[in-house]
Amino acid sequence: MILMKTFTAIIQREEDMYIATCVEVGTVSQGFDIEEVISNLKESTELYLEEFPLEVGV
């Protein structure tokens, strides 16, 4: 069974790059544009959750 969950991303502009943080998990990533930073954050969050899965409530 695949569980889908929505996460919140906070994106900040830092000079010539964007920094994105996933609020619920704490992962952080960066990119040169919005699309890249979101893609990088999704990838880093997926990798994190493979190693440290979220507890699923009943």
N, C-alpha and C. Protein backbone atom coordinates (compact mmCIF):
# COMPACT_ATOMS: atom_id res chain seq x y z
N MET A 1 0.84 -1.19 0.00
CA MET A 1 0.00 0.00 0.00
C MET A 1 0.88 1.24 0.00
N ILE A 2 0.56 2.19 -0.86
CA ILE A 2 1.30 3.44 -0.93
C ILE A 2 0.53 4.50 -0.16
N LEU A 3 1.21 5.15 0.76
CA LEU A 3 0.61 6.20 1.57
C LEU A 3 1.04 7.56 1.02
N MET A 4 0.10 8.42 0.70
CA MET A 4 0.40 9.76 0.20
C MET A 4 0.21 10.75 1.34
N LYS A 5 1.15 11.68 1.47
CA LYS A 5 1.07 12.71 2.50
C LYS A 5 1.51 14.02 1.89
N THR A 6 0.88 15.09 2.30
CA THR A 6 1.26 16.43 1.84
C THR A 6 2.18 17.05 2.88
N PHE A 7 3.27 17.65 2.40
CA PHE A 7 4.22 18.33 3.27
C PHE A 7 4.28 19.80 2.91
N THR A 8 4.72 20.61 3.87
CA THR A 8 4.87 22.05 3.68
C THR A 8 6.32 22.38 3.37
N ALA A 9 6.53 23.24 2.36
CA ALA A 9 7.88 23.69 2.03
C ALA A 9 7.95 25.20 2.22
N ILE A 10 8.96 25.65 2.93
CA ILE A 10 9.25 27.08 3.05
C ILE A 10 10.42 27.37 2.13
N ILE A 11 10.24 28.31 1.20
CA ILE A 11 11.27 28.64 0.23
C ILE A 11 11.73 30.08 0.46
N GLN A 12 13.04 30.24 0.58
CA GLN A 12 13.63 31.57 0.80
C GLN A 12 14.65 31.84 -0.29
N ARG A 13 14.76 33.09 -0.68
CA ARG A 13 15.77 33.47 -1.66
C ARG A 13 17.00 33.95 -0.91
N GLU A 14 18.16 33.40 -1.25
CA GLU A 14 19.44 33.77 -0.64
C GLU A 14 20.39 34.19 -1.77
N GLU A 15 20.53 35.47 -1.99
CA GLU A 15 21.35 36.01 -3.07
C GLU A 15 20.99 35.38 -4.42
N ASP A 16 21.82 34.47 -4.96
CA ASP A 16 21.55 33.90 -6.29
C ASP A 16 20.97 32.50 -6.23
N MET A 17 20.53 32.04 -5.05
CA MET A 17 19.97 30.69 -4.91
C MET A 17 18.70 30.73 -4.07
N TYR A 18 17.96 29.63 -4.15
CA TYR A 18 16.80 29.43 -3.29
C TYR A 18 17.12 28.31 -2.31
N ILE A 19 16.62 28.47 -1.09
CA ILE A 19 16.76 27.47 -0.03
C ILE A 19 15.35 27.02 0.34
N ALA A 20 15.12 25.70 0.38
CA ALA A 20 13.80 25.17 0.73
C ALA A 20 13.93 24.24 1.93
N THR A 21 12.97 24.34 2.83
CA THR A 21 12.93 23.50 4.02
C THR A 21 11.57 22.81 4.09
N CYS A 22 11.58 21.51 4.35
CA CYS A 22 10.34 20.77 4.60
C CYS A 22 10.06 20.87 6.10
N VAL A 23 9.00 21.55 6.45
CA VAL A 23 8.69 21.86 7.84
C VAL A 23 8.49 20.60 8.68
N GLU A 24 7.72 19.66 8.17
CA GLU A 24 7.36 18.47 8.96
C GLU A 24 8.53 17.52 9.18
N VAL A 25 9.45 17.43 8.21
CA VAL A 25 10.54 16.46 8.29
C VAL A 25 11.86 17.12 8.68
N GLY A 26 12.06 18.36 8.27
CA GLY A 26 13.29 19.07 8.60
C GLY A 26 14.36 18.98 7.52
N THR A 27 14.03 18.40 6.37
CA THR A 27 15.01 18.34 5.28
C THR A 27 15.17 19.71 4.64
N VAL A 28 16.36 19.95 4.11
CA VAL A 28 16.69 21.24 3.49
C VAL A 28 17.38 20.96 2.17
N SER A 29 17.12 21.83 1.19
CA SER A 29 17.78 21.70 -0.11
C SER A 29 17.94 23.08 -0.72
N GLN A 30 18.64 23.13 -1.85
CA GLN A 30 18.87 24.40 -2.52
C GLN A 30 18.78 24.22 -4.03
N GLY A 31 18.60 25.34 -4.74
CA GLY A 31 18.53 25.31 -6.19
C GLY A 31 18.62 26.71 -6.75
N PHE A 32 18.88 26.80 -8.05
CA PHE A 32 19.02 28.11 -8.69
C PHE A 32 17.70 28.72 -9.11
N ASP A 33 16.61 27.92 -9.15
CA ASP A 33 15.28 28.45 -9.42
C ASP A 33 14.26 27.65 -8.62
N ILE A 34 13.01 28.12 -8.64
CA ILE A 34 11.96 27.51 -7.81
C ILE A 34 11.75 26.03 -8.18
N GLU A 35 11.70 25.73 -9.47
CA GLU A 35 11.47 24.35 -9.90
C GLU A 35 12.58 23.43 -9.41
N GLU A 36 13.83 23.90 -9.52
CA GLU A 36 14.97 23.08 -9.10
C GLU A 36 14.97 22.86 -7.60
N VAL A 37 14.71 23.90 -6.83
CA VAL A 37 14.75 23.75 -5.37
C VAL A 37 13.63 22.83 -4.89
N ILE A 38 12.46 22.90 -5.51
CA ILE A 38 11.36 22.01 -5.12
C ILE A 38 11.70 20.57 -5.49
N SER A 39 12.22 20.36 -6.68
CA SER A 39 12.63 19.02 -7.10
C SER A 39 13.69 18.45 -6.16
N ASN A 40 14.69 19.25 -5.82
CA ASN A 40 15.75 18.80 -4.92
C ASN A 40 15.21 18.49 -3.53
N LEU A 41 14.27 19.32 -3.05
CA LEU A 41 13.68 19.08 -1.73
C LEU A 41 12.86 17.80 -1.72
N LYS A 42 12.10 17.55 -2.79
CA LYS A 42 11.33 16.30 -2.88
C LYS A 42 12.27 15.10 -2.82
N GLU A 43 13.36 15.18 -3.57
CA GLU A 43 14.30 14.06 -3.59
C GLU A 43 14.94 13.84 -2.22
N SER A 44 15.38 14.91 -1.58
CA SER A 44 16.03 14.75 -0.28
C SER A 44 15.04 14.26 0.78
N THR A 45 13.80 14.71 0.69
CA THR A 45 12.78 14.26 1.65
C THR A 45 12.43 12.80 1.43
N GLU A 46 12.31 12.37 0.17
CA GLU A 46 12.04 10.96 -0.13
C GLU A 46 13.17 10.07 0.40
N LEU A 47 14.41 10.49 0.18
CA LEU A 47 15.55 9.70 0.66
C LEU A 47 15.56 9.63 2.18
N TYR A 48 15.27 10.75 2.83
CA TYR A 48 15.21 10.78 4.29
C TYR A 48 14.14 9.82 4.80
N LEU A 49 12.95 9.86 4.17
CA LEU A 49 11.84 9.03 4.63
C LEU A 49 12.06 7.55 4.36
N GLU A 50 12.87 7.22 3.37
CA GLU A 50 13.24 5.81 3.17
C GLU A 50 14.04 5.28 4.35
N GLU A 51 14.89 6.13 4.90
CA GLU A 51 15.74 5.74 6.02
C GLU A 51 15.01 5.87 7.37
N PHE A 52 14.17 6.90 7.49
CA PHE A 52 13.46 7.19 8.74
C PHE A 52 11.97 7.39 8.45
N PRO A 53 11.21 6.31 8.25
CA PRO A 53 9.79 6.43 7.90
C PRO A 53 8.98 7.11 9.02
N LEU A 54 7.93 7.81 8.61
CA LEU A 54 7.03 8.44 9.57
C LEU A 54 6.17 7.39 10.23
N GLU A 55 5.81 7.64 11.48
CA GLU A 55 4.88 6.76 12.18
C GLU A 55 3.49 6.99 11.61
N VAL A 56 2.78 5.93 11.28
CA VAL A 56 1.44 6.04 10.72
C VAL A 56 0.43 5.77 11.84
N GLY A 57 -0.45 6.74 12.07
CA GLY A 57 -1.49 6.58 13.10
C GLY A 57 -2.59 5.67 12.63
N VAL A 58 -3.21 5.00 13.58
CA VAL A 58 -4.29 4.04 13.24
C VAL A 58 -5.60 4.74 13.28
